[in-house]
């Protein structure tokens, strides 16, 4: 079944540079096998950023967490205080409230 991953971390660089960094790596995240989508988050007041991801299944989520892409994010000198939270989805009421959970073809 699908899995949700919610990440949060602090950033220590100008907001413009952070947004440029996001744009530079967005395609790498779009190419993650089994990741159906990613929503990028930012809270300027707290110097906090993060994301919400929807993965096809537990295996895809675990592979992502062990990937070089995640390792590169975790080792970035301007990012710190990482928090990862995995959760299951309650599908039926989420579909009623229009959550984008439909299976998608992932290249």
C-alpha atoms as a PDB file:
ATOM      1  CA  UNK A   1       0.000   0.000   0.000  1.00  0.00           C
ATOM      2  CA  UNK A   2       1.045   3.582  -0.562  1.00  0.00           C
ATOM      3  CA  UNK A   3       3.233   5.309   2.026  1.00  0.00           C
ATOM      4  CA  UNK A   4       3.586   8.957   2.918  1.00  0.00           C
ATOM      5  CA  UNK A   5       6.897  10.496   3.982  1.00  0.00           C
ATOM      6  CA  UNK A   6       6.974  13.904   5.660  1.00  0.00           C
ATOM      7  CA  UNK A   7      10.361  15.588   6.030  1.00  0.00           C
ATOM      8  CA  UNK A   8      11.409  18.724   7.863  1.00  0.00           C
ATOM      9  CA  UNK A   9      14.785  20.406   8.275  1.00  0.00           C
ATOM     10  CA  UNK A  10      16.396  23.770   8.924  1.00  0.00           C
ATOM     11  CA  UNK A  11      18.313  25.700   6.293  1.00  0.00           C
ATOM     12  CA  UNK A  12      21.138  28.186   6.723  1.00  0.00           C
ATOM     13  CA  UNK A  13      21.442  30.025   3.415  1.00  0.00           C
ATOM     14  CA  UNK A  14      19.605  32.892   1.724  1.00  0.00           C
ATOM     15  CA  UNK A  15      16.101  32.021   0.584  1.00  0.00           C
ATOM     16  CA  UNK A  16      16.953  32.785  -3.048  1.00  0.00           C
ATOM     17  CA  UNK A  17      19.814  30.266  -2.943  1.00  0.00           C
ATOM     18  CA  UNK A  18      17.580  27.653  -1.309  1.00  0.00           C
ATOM     19  CA  UNK A  19      14.968  28.056  -4.040  1.00  0.00           C
ATOM     20  CA  UNK A  20      17.698  27.766  -6.685  1.00  0.00           C
ATOM     21  CA  UNK A  21      18.944  24.599  -4.990  1.00  0.00           C
ATOM     22  CA  UNK A  22      15.409  23.174  -5.016  1.00  0.00           C
ATOM     23  CA  UNK A  23      15.069  23.920  -8.738  1.00  0.00           C
ATOM     24  CA  UNK A  24      18.472  22.396  -9.478  1.00  0.00           C
ATOM     25  CA  UNK A  25      17.593  19.054  -7.859  1.00  0.00           C
ATOM     26  CA  UNK A  26      13.860  18.871  -8.598  1.00  0.00           C
ATOM     27  CA  UNK A  27      14.318  16.606 -11.628  1.00  0.00           C
ATOM     28  CA  UNK A  28      16.462  14.215  -9.561  1.00  0.00           C
ATOM     29  CA  UNK A  29      13.565  13.861  -7.130  1.00  0.00           C
ATOM     30  CA  UNK A  30      11.073  13.525 -10.001  1.00  0.00           C
ATOM     31  CA  UNK A  31      13.087  10.532 -11.229  1.00  0.00           C
ATOM     32  CA  UNK A  32      12.988   8.618  -7.911  1.00  0.00           C
ATOM     33  CA  UNK A  33      11.576   5.144  -8.644  1.00  0.00           C
ATOM     34  CA  UNK A  34       8.252   4.557  -6.923  1.00  0.00           C
ATOM     35  CA  UNK A  35       7.783   8.181  -5.829  1.00  0.00           C
ATOM     36  CA  UNK A  36       4.442   9.318  -7.195  1.00  0.00           C
ATOM     37  CA  UNK A  37       4.838  12.957  -6.206  1.00  0.00           C
ATOM     38  CA  UNK A  38       6.649  15.382  -3.931  1.00  0.00           C
ATOM     39  CA  UNK A  39       5.369  18.661  -2.524  1.00  0.00           C
ATOM     40  CA  UNK A  40       8.129  21.080  -1.485  1.00  0.00           C
ATOM     41  CA  UNK A  41       7.544  23.077   1.717  1.00  0.00           C
ATOM     42  CA  UNK A  42       9.124  26.188   3.209  1.00  0.00           C
ATOM     43  CA  UNK A  43       8.547  28.282   6.336  1.00  0.00           C
ATOM     44  CA  UNK A  44      10.667  31.418   5.998  1.00  0.00           C
ATOM     45  CA  UNK A  45       9.972  32.644   9.540  1.00  0.00           C
ATOM     46  CA  UNK A  46      11.456  29.497  11.060  1.00  0.00           C
ATOM     47  CA  UNK A  47      14.175  28.911   8.405  1.00  0.00           C
ATOM     48  CA  UNK A  48      12.537  25.540   7.953  1.00  0.00           C
ATOM     49  CA  UNK A  49      11.904  23.534   4.806  1.00  0.00           C
ATOM     50  CA  UNK A  50      10.706  20.053   4.004  1.00  0.00           C
ATOM     51  CA  UNK A  51       8.498  17.974   1.809  1.00  0.00           C
ATOM     52  CA  UNK A  52       5.602  15.576   1.614  1.00  0.00           C
ATOM     53  CA  UNK A  53       6.131  12.550  -0.615  1.00  0.00           C
ATOM     54  CA  UNK A  54       3.776   9.827  -1.790  1.00  0.00           C
ATOM     55  CA  UNK A  55       5.454   6.487  -2.484  1.00  0.00           C
ATOM     56  CA  UNK A  56       3.960   3.569  -4.360  1.00  0.00           C
ATOM     57  CA  UNK A  57       4.808   1.187  -1.511  1.00  0.00           C
ATOM     58  CA  UNK A  58       7.061   0.531   1.491  1.00  0.00           C
ATOM     59  CA  UNK A  59       9.830  -0.911  -0.694  1.00  0.00           C
ATOM     60  CA  UNK A  60      10.062   2.264  -2.791  1.00  0.00           C
ATOM     61  CA  UNK A  61      10.181   4.394   0.366  1.00  0.00           C
ATOM     62  CA  UNK A  62      12.948   2.271   1.909  1.00  0.00           C
ATOM     63  CA  UNK A  63      14.970   2.355  -1.333  1.00  0.00           C
ATOM     64  CA  UNK A  64      14.638   6.142  -1.435  1.00  0.00           C
ATOM     65  CA  UNK A  65      15.832   6.532   2.166  1.00  0.00           C
ATOM     66  CA  UNK A  66      18.912   4.423   1.368  1.00  0.00           C
ATOM     67  CA  UNK A  67      19.678   6.261  -1.879  1.00  0.00           C
ATOM     68  CA  UNK A  68      22.656   8.473  -2.728  1.00  0.00           C
ATOM     69  CA  UNK A  69      20.180  11.314  -3.334  1.00  0.00           C
ATOM     70  CA  UNK A  70      19.044  11.270   0.296  1.00  0.00           C
ATOM     71  CA  UNK A  71      22.650  10.906   1.458  1.00  0.00           C
ATOM     72  CA  UNK A  72      23.580  14.044  -0.498  1.00  0.00           C
ATOM     73  CA  UNK A  73      20.764  16.017   1.125  1.00  0.00           C
ATOM     74  CA  UNK A  74      21.654  14.797   4.620  1.00  0.00           C
ATOM     75  CA  UNK A  75      25.295  15.784   4.114  1.00  0.00           C
ATOM     76  CA  UNK A  76      24.592  19.258   2.700  1.00  0.00           C
ATOM     77  CA  UNK A  77      26.396  21.805   4.870  1.00  0.00           C
ATOM     78  CA  UNK A  78      23.528  24.349   4.821  1.00  0.00           C
ATOM     79  CA  UNK A  79      20.849  21.846   5.944  1.00  0.00           C
ATOM     80  CA  UNK A  80      20.398  20.467   9.473  1.00  0.00           C
ATOM     81  CA  UNK A  81      18.022  19.083  12.119  1.00  0.00           C
ATOM     82  CA  UNK A  82      16.390  16.543   9.829  1.00  0.00           C
ATOM     83  CA  UNK A  83      13.132  14.918  10.835  1.00  0.00           C
ATOM     84  CA  UNK A  84      11.608  12.095   8.775  1.00  0.00           C
ATOM     85  CA  UNK A  85       8.134  10.784   9.548  1.00  0.00           C
ATOM     86  CA  UNK A  86       6.582   7.888   7.694  1.00  0.00           C
ATOM     87  CA  UNK A  87       2.896   7.184   7.831  1.00  0.00           C
ATOM     88  CA  UNK A  88       0.197   5.045   6.295  1.00  0.00           C
ATOM     89  CA  UNK A  89      -2.718   6.557   4.430  1.00  0.00           C
ATOM     90  CA  UNK A  90      -6.381   6.101   5.297  1.00  0.00           C
ATOM     91  CA  UNK A  91      -7.439   5.700   1.693  1.00  0.00           C
ATOM     92  CA  UNK A  92     -11.258   5.791   1.613  1.00  0.00           C
ATOM     93  CA  UNK A  93     -11.907   9.098   3.417  1.00  0.00           C
ATOM     94  CA  UNK A  94      -8.817  10.597   1.737  1.00  0.00           C
ATOM     95  CA  UNK A  95     -10.352   9.850  -1.662  1.00  0.00           C
ATOM     96  CA  UNK A  96     -13.603  11.515  -0.575  1.00  0.00           C
ATOM     97  CA  UNK A  97     -11.662  14.645   0.353  1.00  0.00           C
ATOM     98  CA  UNK A  98      -9.904  14.601  -3.060  1.00  0.00           C
ATOM     99  CA  UNK A  99      -6.415  13.488  -1.989  1.00  0.00           C
ATOM    100  CA  UNK A 100      -4.244  12.773  -5.056  1.00  0.00           C
ATOM    101  CA  UNK A 101      -3.743   9.087  -4.306  1.00  0.00           C
ATOM    102  CA  UNK A 102      -4.540   7.429  -7.635  1.00  0.00           C
ATOM    103  CA  UNK A 103      -1.853   5.045  -8.871  1.00  0.00           C
ATOM    104  CA  UNK A 104       0.362   6.763 -11.394  1.00  0.00           C
ATOM    105  CA  UNK A 105       2.783   5.352 -13.894  1.00  0.00           C
ATOM    106  CA  UNK A 106       6.296   6.140 -12.746  1.00  0.00           C
ATOM    107  CA  UNK A 107       8.964   6.160 -15.440  1.00  0.00           C
END
